[in-house]
Amino acid sequence: MGGYMIFKTRVLLLSIILLFLNHSPGQAADFPGKNWQQYAVAEEAGFSAKKLKLAKQDFEQSEAAGVLVIHNGRVLVSWGETTRRFRCASIRKSFMSALYGVYVGKEKINLNATLADLKIDDVQTLTAQEKQAKVIDLLTARSGIYHPAAHSTRGMEKNLPQRGSHKPGTFWYYNNWDFNTLATIFEQETEKGVFDAFKEDVADQIQMEDFALRFTHYRLEDKSKHPAYLFRMTARDMARFGLLFLNKGRWNGKQIIPEKWVVESTKPFSTELGRFSERGSYGYLWWVSELKGQRMYFASGSGGQRICVLPDANLVFVHVVNSYDNNNVRHGNIMNLLSLILEAKEGAPKAKPSLVDHKPPLRRQPKSVKVKSEILNKYLGSYRHRFLGKLEIGAGEKSLIMTTSIGKFELFPLDENKFFPEDIETPVHFQISEEESQRNTAVSILNENRKVKRVVFYY
């Protein structure tokens, strides 16, 4: 009997230890399946509904399009457009970090290989010093290579240091050349396309709801051999990616990204960030900081796209902005909103909170009509927009496809000359040109708030 009691005591102790391990900081208590679960009552998650309402007011007064907050693997907050795909912008770089984690773990990529070893070059030939940059230098934005790069902002290229001014590994500079060239190296070493690998190794594994390869795009420019790799994604899919990192690369018991990589890539590697100093420090394609005394790392895209992971709070915060309309929310304002949400935490969550299926409002697309192919064919061709550059209109199965510098968008016909572009959602009109100089041009028509209310293509 005494031996039996000792056995029971050991089992009880083991159960308690496992309970604490399963609920330790950085380990979410739950995962979504095909769909998310949501707290029925904020207080049962340990949050004040009244304080969250104040945070929502802050959100509604900004140009943000959507916010999604995940706590213990469940939806705590869902505001605005969380099922509409927006441009991820530079969040793509943290996606690349995840892919490197997978394939470094498979020993397909050597972080200490130099560009000379890998035979990497560019339109402007690399110098001997530049070719000594290692893969790890590109991952940490410390290559010392200051070349023009695809999809770079004016600020990036205007402020480029002089070539040769810094040896590889010695100086941090946020440069799309490093980030784009990582894709070239990845595809060369793994023999897989970036987007195919992301779908297979990340998106499918964590059951992203809205991701498909047609929402990705390579942007190649004459200035460089190395294209930018662009994503459009919904907030609810970004939240899954954040939750994967919160759980140190594990998803429902399966290790998707090596835990060692998640830990190393989200450590502060560079702390002298110049004009980006408000963001704290930089890891392997992740920004690393703290907020309200809590450690935080985040993926960041221009305009206000964010995936923030706070391990100690067991929380993922996703913030999206409609950058198609050139809306913008400053970093400080985003952090203020997140602070308000953190301040709403008042206690521990209930052991068995009431949960409901998360059912966000779905995008309501106007009803499409059938238009004869001979009419659609009149609109095919290349158009020039003053700000957007070249726009290509091609044929879809029952629609048109608009190819832009940021991706392809299906145009659903609403009548013979009016179309609804997926994701962008700003109406597109086709109109016969009145003079030759107008033909094959596209013009944005603005409303009283200087926002685009429609785009007219003159054929």
Protein backbone atom coordinates (compact mmCIF):
# COMPACT_ATOMS: atom_id res chain seq x y z
CA MET A 1 0.00 0.00 0.00
CA GLY A 2 2.87 2.35 0.87
CA GLY A 3 4.44 1.74 -2.55
CA TYR A 4 1.11 2.50 -4.24
CA MET A 5 0.80 5.81 -2.36
CA ILE A 6 4.34 6.78 -3.37
CA PHE A 7 3.46 5.96 -6.98
CA LYS A 8 0.28 8.10 -6.81
CA THR A 9 2.24 10.98 -5.25
CA ARG A 10 4.82 10.84 -8.05
CA VAL A 11 2.10 10.82 -10.70
CA LEU A 12 0.43 13.83 -9.05
CA LEU A 13 3.72 15.75 -8.89
CA LEU A 14 4.45 14.93 -12.53
CA SER A 15 0.99 16.17 -13.53
CA ILE A 16 1.53 19.47 -11.70
CA ILE A 17 4.95 19.94 -13.34
CA LEU A 18 3.48 19.28 -16.78
CA LEU A 19 0.65 21.74 -16.07
CA PHE A 20 3.14 24.52 -15.32
CA LEU A 21 5.26 23.63 -18.33
CA ASN A 22 2.24 23.75 -20.61
CA HIS A 23 1.26 27.20 -19.30
CA SER A 24 4.70 28.75 -18.99
CA PRO A 25 5.29 32.20 -20.54
CA GLY A 26 5.54 32.02 -24.31
CA GLN A 27 3.47 28.83 -24.55
CA ALA A 28 -0.10 29.39 -25.73
CA ALA A 29 -2.80 27.28 -24.13
CA ASP A 30 -4.63 26.51 -27.36
CA PHE A 31 -4.37 26.49 -31.15
CA PRO A 32 -7.01 27.27 -33.75
CA GLY A 33 -8.13 24.46 -35.99
CA LYS A 34 -9.70 25.41 -39.28
CA ASN A 35 -11.29 28.37 -37.48
CA TRP A 36 -10.45 30.47 -34.44
CA GLN A 37 -12.18 30.23 -31.07
CA GLN A 38 -13.04 33.49 -29.28
CA TYR A 39 -13.58 34.40 -25.64
CA ALA A 40 -17.31 34.92 -25.11
CA VAL A 41 -16.56 37.32 -22.24
CA ALA A 42 -13.36 39.40 -21.99
CA GLU A 43 -13.31 39.11 -18.18
CA GLU A 44 -12.95 35.32 -18.47
CA ALA A 45 -9.68 35.96 -20.32
CA GLY A 46 -8.59 38.24 -17.46
CA PHE A 47 -9.28 41.50 -19.32
CA SER A 48 -11.57 44.43 -18.56
CA ALA A 49 -14.26 44.85 -21.23
CA LYS A 50 -14.56 48.52 -20.23
CA LYS A 51 -10.85 49.20 -20.81
CA LEU A 52 -10.88 47.26 -24.08
CA LYS A 53 -13.73 49.53 -25.19
CA LEU A 54 -11.47 52.54 -24.61
CA ALA A 55 -8.78 50.87 -26.71
CA LYS A 56 -11.34 50.25 -29.46
CA GLN A 57 -12.21 53.95 -29.48
CA ASP A 58 -8.53 54.71 -30.04
CA PHE A 59 -8.50 52.22 -32.93
CA GLU A 60 -11.61 53.75 -34.51
CA GLN A 61 -10.11 57.25 -34.42
CA SER A 62 -7.06 56.14 -36.41
CA GLU A 63 -6.61 55.11 -40.04
CA ALA A 64 -6.16 51.47 -39.04
CA ALA A 65 -8.25 48.96 -40.99
CA GLY A 66 -8.19 46.06 -38.55
CA VAL A 67 -6.85 44.72 -35.25
CA LEU A 68 -6.77 41.13 -34.02
CA VAL A 69 -5.49 40.15 -30.57
CA ILE A 70 -4.81 36.53 -29.66
CA HIS A 71 -4.43 35.56 -25.99
CA ASN A 72 -3.69 31.97 -24.95
CA GLY A 73 -4.34 30.94 -28.55
CA ARG A 74 -7.86 32.39 -28.65
CA VAL A 75 -9.30 35.58 -30.08
CA LEU A 76 -9.59 38.30 -27.46
CA VAL A 77 -10.19 41.28 -29.76
CA SER A 78 -11.34 41.45 -33.39
CA TRP A 79 -11.98 44.91 -34.79
CA GLY A 80 -12.43 46.04 -38.37
CA GLU A 81 -11.34 44.22 -41.50
CA THR A 82 -9.58 41.03 -40.38
CA THR A 83 -10.61 38.92 -43.40
CA ARG A 84 -9.46 41.30 -46.14
CA ARG A 85 -6.04 40.81 -47.69
CA PHE A 86 -3.75 43.81 -47.41
CA ARG A 87 -0.19 44.35 -48.56
CA CYS A 88 2.18 42.88 -45.99
CA ALA A 89 5.00 45.20 -47.09
CA SER A 90 8.13 44.48 -45.01
CA ILE A 91 6.40 41.88 -42.85
CA ARG A 92 7.60 39.66 -45.70
CA LYS A 93 11.08 39.77 -44.16
CA SER A 94 9.95 37.99 -41.01
CA PHE A 95 8.31 35.37 -43.26
CA MET A 96 11.74 34.92 -44.85
CA SER A 97 13.30 34.52 -41.40
CA ALA A 98 10.91 31.64 -40.74
CA LEU A 99 11.89 29.94 -44.01
CA TYR A 100 15.58 30.29 -43.20
CA GLY A 101 14.88 28.72 -39.82
CA VAL A 102 13.30 25.69 -41.47
CA TYR A 103 16.08 25.15 -44.01
CA VAL A 104 19.02 26.00 -41.77
CA GLY A 105 17.54 23.34 -39.53
CA LYS A 106 17.57 20.93 -42.49
CA GLU A 107 21.22 21.91 -43.15
CA LYS A 108 20.34 23.18 -46.63
CA ILE A 109 21.70 26.67 -45.93
CA ASN A 110 25.03 27.59 -44.35
CA LEU A 111 24.80 30.91 -42.50
CA ASN A 112 28.58 31.33 -42.64
CA ALA A 113 28.81 30.94 -46.42
CA THR A 114 30.05 34.11 -48.13
CA LEU A 115 28.55 35.66 -51.24
CA ALA A 116 31.77 34.66 -53.00
CA ASP A 117 31.18 31.03 -51.96
CA LEU A 118 27.62 31.24 -53.29
CA LYS A 119 28.63 33.10 -56.48
CA ILE A 120 26.18 35.94 -55.76
CA ASP A 121 26.60 39.12 -57.83
CA ASP A 122 24.47 41.95 -59.17
CA VAL A 123 24.00 44.42 -62.03
CA GLN A 124 26.68 46.59 -60.42
CA THR A 125 29.42 44.01 -59.84
CA LEU A 126 30.21 43.32 -56.20
CA THR A 127 33.67 44.23 -54.96
CA ALA A 128 35.98 41.69 -53.33
CA GLN A 129 35.13 43.17 -49.92
CA GLU A 130 31.37 43.01 -50.56
CA LYS A 131 31.65 39.38 -51.63
CA GLN A 132 32.99 38.53 -48.17
CA ALA A 133 29.58 39.26 -46.64
CA LYS A 134 28.09 36.13 -45.10
CA VAL A 135 24.50 34.95 -45.19
CA ILE A 136 24.18 35.81 -41.49
CA ASP A 137 25.22 39.39 -42.32
CA LEU A 138 22.29 39.71 -44.72
CA LEU A 139 19.88 38.21 -42.18
CA THR A 140 20.93 40.85 -39.66
CA ALA A 141 21.07 43.77 -42.17
CA ARG A 142 24.83 44.12 -41.71
CA SER A 143 26.15 43.14 -45.16
CA GLY A 144 27.98 46.39 -45.90
CA ILE A 145 26.56 46.22 -49.44
CA TYR A 146 24.85 49.44 -50.46
CA HIS A 147 23.36 48.78 -53.88
CA PRO A 148 20.08 49.91 -55.40
CA ALA A 149 17.40 47.30 -54.69
CA ALA A 150 13.96 46.39 -55.98
CA HIS A 151 10.98 47.75 -54.05
CA SER A 152 13.10 50.21 -52.06
CA THR A 153 11.67 53.41 -50.65
CA ARG A 154 13.15 56.76 -51.60
CA GLY A 155 14.43 57.11 -48.05
CA MET A 156 16.27 53.79 -48.20
CA GLU A 157 18.18 54.73 -51.34
CA LYS A 158 18.64 58.41 -50.51
CA ASN A 159 20.37 57.52 -47.24
CA LEU A 160 22.48 54.64 -48.56
CA PRO A 161 26.02 54.81 -47.15
CA GLN A 162 28.84 55.01 -49.68
CA ARG A 163 29.93 51.72 -51.17
CA GLY A 164 32.85 50.26 -49.27
CA SER A 165 32.32 52.53 -46.26
CA HIS A 166 31.64 49.61 -43.89
CA LYS A 167 33.06 46.10 -43.85
CA PRO A 168 30.58 43.20 -43.79
CA GLY A 169 29.23 42.44 -40.33
CA THR A 170 30.27 45.77 -38.76
CA PHE A 171 27.38 48.19 -39.40
CA TRP A 172 23.57 47.92 -39.41
CA TYR A 173 21.63 49.50 -42.25
CA TYR A 174 18.06 48.67 -43.22
CA ASN A 175 18.59 47.87 -46.88
CA ASN A 176 16.30 45.93 -49.21
CA TRP A 177 19.33 44.65 -51.09
CA ASP A 178 20.12 42.34 -48.18
CA PHE A 179 16.53 41.20 -47.79
CA ASN A 180 15.91 40.58 -51.51
CA THR A 181 19.20 38.75 -52.02
CA LEU A 182 18.26 36.38 -49.20
CA ALA A 183 15.47 35.11 -51.48
CA THR A 184 17.94 34.46 -54.30
CA ILE A 185 20.20 32.55 -51.91
CA PHE A 186 17.26 30.63 -50.45
CA GLU A 187 16.03 29.48 -53.85
CA GLN A 188 19.53 28.61 -55.04
CA GLU A 189 20.40 26.53 -51.98
CA THR A 190 17.04 24.82 -51.39
CA GLU A 191 15.97 24.48 -55.04
CA LYS A 192 12.54 25.70 -53.95
CA GLY A 193 10.66 28.88 -54.76
CA VAL A 194 10.13 31.22 -51.82
CA PHE A 195 6.36 31.24 -52.14
CA ASP A 196 6.04 27.49 -52.72
CA ALA A 197 8.20 26.86 -49.66
CA PHE A 198 6.20 29.29 -47.55
CA LYS A 199 2.95 27.59 -48.54
CA GLU A 200 4.28 24.08 -47.92
CA ASP A 201 6.38 24.69 -44.81
CA VAL A 202 4.41 27.42 -43.05
CA ALA A 203 0.96 28.36 -44.39
CA ASP A 204 -0.34 24.82 -44.87
CA GLN A 205 1.15 23.63 -41.58
CA ILE A 206 -0.67 26.27 -39.53
CA GLN A 207 -3.88 26.12 -41.59
CA MET A 208 -3.91 29.67 -42.89
CA GLU A 209 -7.48 30.37 -43.99
CA ASP A 210 -7.03 32.92 -46.78
CA PHE A 211 -3.53 32.34 -48.19
CA ALA A 212 -2.97 31.24 -51.78
CA LEU A 213 -0.02 31.52 -54.14
CA ARG A 214 -1.91 33.95 -56.37
CA PHE A 215 -1.65 36.53 -53.58
CA THR A 216 2.15 36.57 -53.86
CA HIS A 217 4.33 38.39 -56.36
CA TYR A 218 7.97 38.74 -57.41
CA ARG A 219 8.91 42.33 -58.17
CA LEU A 220 11.97 42.54 -60.40
CA GLU A 221 13.49 45.88 -61.40
CA ASP A 222 16.29 46.72 -63.84
CA LYS A 223 18.52 48.07 -61.06
CA SER A 224 19.12 44.64 -59.50
CA LYS A 225 19.11 40.91 -60.32
CA HIS A 226 17.37 40.14 -57.04
CA PRO A 227 13.57 40.56 -56.95
CA ALA A 228 11.49 41.56 -53.97
CA TYR A 229 9.02 38.87 -52.84
CA LEU A 230 5.65 40.38 -51.95
CA PHE A 231 2.71 38.98 -49.97
CA ARG A 232 -0.91 39.99 -49.45
CA MET A 233 -2.48 38.49 -46.35
CA THR A 234 -5.38 38.80 -43.93
CA ALA A 235 -4.98 39.75 -40.28
CA ARG A 236 -6.32 36.37 -39.17
CA ASP A 237 -3.61 34.57 -41.15
CA MET A 238 -0.91 36.91 -39.85
CA ALA A 239 -2.14 36.05 -36.36
CA ARG A 240 -1.48 32.36 -37.01
CA PHE A 241 2.08 33.22 -38.01
CA GLY A 242 2.54 35.23 -34.83
CA LEU A 243 1.11 32.41 -32.73
CA LEU A 244 3.55 29.96 -34.33
CA PHE A 245 6.46 32.11 -33.11
CA LEU A 246 4.86 32.67 -29.71
CA ASN A 247 4.91 28.90 -29.32
CA LYS A 248 8.59 28.73 -30.29
CA GLY A 249 7.89 27.21 -33.68
CA ARG A 250 5.49 24.49 -32.50
CA TRP A 251 1.96 24.01 -33.78
CA ASN A 252 -0.35 21.47 -32.19
CA GLY A 253 2.57 19.38 -30.99
CA LYS A 254 4.54 19.54 -34.26
CA GLN A 255 7.81 21.48 -34.51
CA ILE A 256 7.39 23.58 -37.68
CA ILE A 257 10.36 25.93 -37.14
CA PRO A 258 13.27 24.82 -34.93
CA GLU A 259 12.87 26.26 -31.43
CA LYS A 260 16.52 27.27 -31.41
CA TRP A 261 15.93 29.43 -34.49
CA VAL A 262 12.89 31.15 -33.00
CA VAL A 263 14.87 32.00 -29.87
CA GLU A 264 18.00 33.18 -31.74
CA SER A 265 16.20 35.11 -34.47
CA THR A 266 14.18 37.16 -31.98
CA LYS A 267 17.12 38.18 -29.80
CA PRO A 268 18.51 41.74 -30.07
CA PHE A 269 21.48 41.42 -32.45
CA SER A 270 21.92 45.06 -33.48
CA THR A 271 21.13 47.91 -31.08
CA GLU A 272 22.44 50.97 -32.97
CA LEU A 273 19.58 51.55 -35.42
CA GLY A 274 19.99 55.21 -36.35
CA ARG A 275 16.70 56.69 -37.56
CA PHE A 276 14.91 53.49 -36.50
CA SER A 277 16.04 53.82 -32.87
CA GLU A 278 12.46 54.05 -31.54
CA ARG A 279 12.02 50.41 -32.55
CA GLY A 280 14.61 49.14 -30.08
CA SER A 281 16.90 46.60 -31.72
CA TYR A 282 17.05 44.14 -34.63
CA GLY A 283 17.40 40.38 -34.77
CA TYR A 284 17.22 38.05 -37.78
CA LEU A 285 14.62 40.00 -39.82
CA TRP A 286 12.62 40.75 -36.67
CA TRP A 287 12.47 43.99 -34.66
CA VAL A 288 13.12 43.37 -30.96
CA SER A 289 11.89 45.72 -28.25
CA GLU A 290 9.82 45.91 -25.09
CA LEU A 291 6.53 47.52 -24.14
CA LYS A 292 5.15 48.22 -20.66
CA GLY A 293 8.17 46.38 -19.26
CA GLN A 294 7.44 43.26 -21.32
CA ARG A 295 9.67 41.74 -23.98
CA MET A 296 8.28 42.08 -27.47
CA TYR A 297 9.41 41.29 -30.98
CA PHE A 298 7.54 42.28 -34.09
CA ALA A 299 7.29 42.15 -37.87
CA SER A 300 6.74 45.56 -39.40
CA GLY A 301 5.49 46.80 -42.76
CA SER A 302 5.19 50.35 -44.07
CA GLY A 303 1.91 52.14 -43.44
CA GLY A 304 1.32 50.44 -40.11
CA GLN A 305 1.28 46.68 -40.76
CA ARG A 306 2.40 44.83 -37.61
CA ILE A 307 2.60 41.37 -36.10
CA CYS A 308 3.67 41.83 -32.47
CA VAL A 309 4.53 38.89 -30.22
CA LEU A 310 4.66 39.36 -26.43
CA PRO A 311 5.77 36.04 -24.88
CA ASP A 312 5.32 37.01 -21.22
CA ALA A 313 1.76 38.21 -21.89
CA ASN A 314 1.06 35.13 -24.05
CA LEU A 315 -0.30 37.53 -26.62
CA VAL A 316 -0.17 38.21 -30.36
CA PHE A 317 -1.26 41.61 -31.69
CA VAL A 318 -1.94 42.14 -35.41
CA HIS A 319 -2.53 45.63 -36.81
CA VAL A 320 -3.36 46.22 -40.49
CA VAL A 321 -3.85 49.40 -42.51
CA ASN A 322 -5.45 49.91 -45.92
CA SER A 323 -2.29 50.98 -47.72
CA TYR A 324 -4.09 50.69 -51.08
CA ASP A 325 -5.66 54.01 -50.07
CA ASN A 326 -2.31 55.33 -48.80
CA ASN A 327 -3.57 55.27 -45.21
CA ASN A 328 -0.91 55.33 -42.53
CA VAL A 329 -0.63 54.88 -38.77
CA ARG A 330 2.62 55.90 -37.09
CA HIS A 331 4.59 53.38 -35.04
CA GLY A 332 4.14 55.35 -31.83
CA ASN A 333 0.36 55.38 -32.26
CA ILE A 334 0.31 51.62 -32.86
CA MET A 335 2.32 51.05 -29.69
CA ASN A 336 -0.03 53.33 -27.77
CA LEU A 337 -3.00 51.22 -28.90
CA LEU A 338 -1.22 48.02 -27.88
CA SER A 339 -0.39 49.61 -24.51
CA LEU A 340 -4.08 50.33 -23.92
CA ILE A 341 -4.87 46.68 -24.62
CA LEU A 342 -2.16 45.49 -22.23
CA GLU A 343 -3.45 47.87 -19.55
CA ALA A 344 -6.84 46.17 -19.83
CA LYS A 345 -5.36 43.02 -18.28
CA GLU A 346 -6.66 42.77 -14.73
CA GLY A 347 -6.27 39.17 -13.64
CA ALA A 348 -5.70 35.55 -14.54
CA PRO A 349 -7.95 33.88 -17.12
CA LYS A 350 -10.51 31.34 -16.01
CA ALA A 351 -9.34 27.73 -16.22
CA LYS A 352 -12.30 26.91 -18.46
CA PRO A 353 -13.48 30.14 -20.09
CA SER A 354 -16.63 30.28 -22.20
CA LEU A 355 -15.64 30.11 -25.86
CA VAL A 356 -17.54 30.71 -29.09
CA ASP A 357 -16.64 30.27 -32.74
CA HIS A 358 -14.97 33.40 -34.07
CA LYS A 359 -17.15 34.68 -36.90
CA PRO A 360 -15.75 37.95 -38.23
CA PRO A 361 -17.76 39.83 -40.86
CA LEU A 362 -16.85 38.40 -44.25
CA ARG A 363 -16.00 40.66 -47.16
CA ARG A 364 -19.16 41.38 -49.14
CA GLN A 365 -18.22 41.46 -52.79
CA PRO A 366 -20.71 43.06 -55.20
CA LYS A 367 -22.49 40.57 -57.42
CA SER A 368 -20.52 39.91 -60.58
CA VAL A 369 -22.19 39.76 -64.00
CA LYS A 370 -21.25 37.94 -67.17
CA VAL A 371 -19.70 40.10 -69.88
CA LYS A 372 -19.07 38.89 -73.43
CA SER A 373 -15.44 38.08 -74.20
CA GLU A 374 -15.38 40.42 -77.22
CA ILE A 375 -16.13 43.33 -74.88
CA LEU A 376 -13.52 42.25 -72.32
CA ASN A 377 -10.94 41.84 -75.08
CA LYS A 378 -11.23 45.56 -75.93
CA TYR A 379 -9.71 46.38 -72.55
CA LEU A 380 -6.64 44.14 -72.79
CA GLY A 381 -3.22 45.76 -72.98
CA SER A 382 -0.72 47.97 -71.17
CA TYR A 383 -1.69 51.23 -69.49
CA ARG A 384 0.46 53.92 -67.93
CA HIS A 385 -0.47 55.53 -64.60
CA ARG A 386 1.29 58.69 -63.42
CA PHE A 387 2.07 57.29 -59.97
CA LEU A 388 1.56 53.53 -60.27
CA GLY A 389 3.59 53.10 -63.45
CA LYS A 390 2.77 50.29 -65.84
CA LEU A 391 -0.53 48.47 -65.36
CA GLU A 392 -1.24 45.39 -67.47
CA ILE A 393 -4.78 44.19 -68.16
CA GLY A 394 -5.02 40.52 -69.13
CA ALA A 395 -7.78 37.97 -69.58
CA GLY A 396 -9.09 35.85 -66.73
CA GLU A 397 -11.49 32.92 -66.95
CA LYS A 398 -14.61 35.08 -66.55
CA SER A 399 -12.97 38.33 -65.57
CA LEU A 400 -9.92 40.51 -66.14
CA ILE A 401 -6.56 40.32 -64.38
CA MET A 402 -4.77 43.55 -63.49
CA THR A 403 -1.01 43.15 -63.03
CA THR A 404 0.66 45.91 -61.01
CA SER A 405 4.06 46.40 -59.41
CA ILE A 406 2.68 44.93 -56.16
CA GLY A 407 0.85 41.91 -57.58
CA LYS A 408 -2.03 40.61 -59.63
CA PHE A 409 -5.64 41.47 -58.85
CA GLU A 410 -8.74 39.88 -60.34
CA LEU A 411 -11.24 42.42 -61.71
CA PHE A 412 -14.83 41.18 -61.36
CA PRO A 413 -17.27 42.75 -63.85
CA LEU A 414 -20.20 44.68 -62.36
CA ASP A 415 -21.36 45.79 -65.81
CA GLU A 416 -19.73 46.08 -69.23
CA ASN A 417 -17.25 48.79 -68.23
CA LYS A 418 -17.22 48.81 -64.41
CA PHE A 419 -15.16 46.33 -62.38
CA PHE A 420 -14.50 45.45 -58.75
CA PRO A 421 -10.82 44.63 -57.97
CA GLU A 422 -10.37 42.01 -55.25
CA ASP A 423 -8.60 43.23 -52.11
CA ILE A 424 -8.11 46.78 -53.44
CA GLU A 425 -11.90 47.28 -53.78
CA THR A 426 -11.61 50.71 -55.44
CA PRO A 427 -13.87 50.62 -58.54
CA VAL A 428 -12.19 50.37 -61.94
CA HIS A 429 -13.86 51.87 -65.02
CA PHE A 430 -12.93 51.41 -68.68
CA GLN A 431 -13.69 54.34 -70.94
CA ILE A 432 -12.98 54.95 -74.60
CA SER A 433 -10.29 57.61 -75.07
CA GLU A 434 -11.34 60.93 -76.54
CA GLU A 435 -7.94 61.71 -78.04
CA GLU A 436 -4.85 59.74 -79.02
CA SER A 437 -2.67 61.07 -76.17
CA GLN A 438 -5.19 59.73 -73.66
CA ARG A 439 -5.21 56.19 -75.04
CA ASN A 440 -3.72 53.45 -72.83
CA THR A 441 -3.49 55.68 -69.79
CA ALA A 442 -5.04 55.21 -66.34
CA VAL A 443 -6.09 58.06 -64.05
CA SER A 444 -7.10 58.05 -60.38
CA ILE A 445 -10.20 60.12 -59.57
CA LEU A 446 -10.10 61.53 -56.02
CA ASN A 447 -12.89 62.37 -53.60
CA GLU A 448 -13.11 65.45 -51.37
CA ASN A 449 -10.78 63.78 -48.83
CA ARG A 450 -8.09 63.21 -51.48
CA LYS A 451 -8.74 59.47 -51.45
CA VAL A 452 -9.10 57.50 -54.68
CA LYS A 453 -12.79 56.84 -55.40
CA ARG A 454 -12.22 55.13 -58.77
CA VAL A 455 -9.55 54.49 -61.39
CA VAL A 456 -10.38 55.13 -65.05
CA PHE A 457 -8.59 53.19 -67.80
CA TYR A 458 -8.76 54.84 -71.22
CA TYR A 459 -8.61 52.31 -74.06
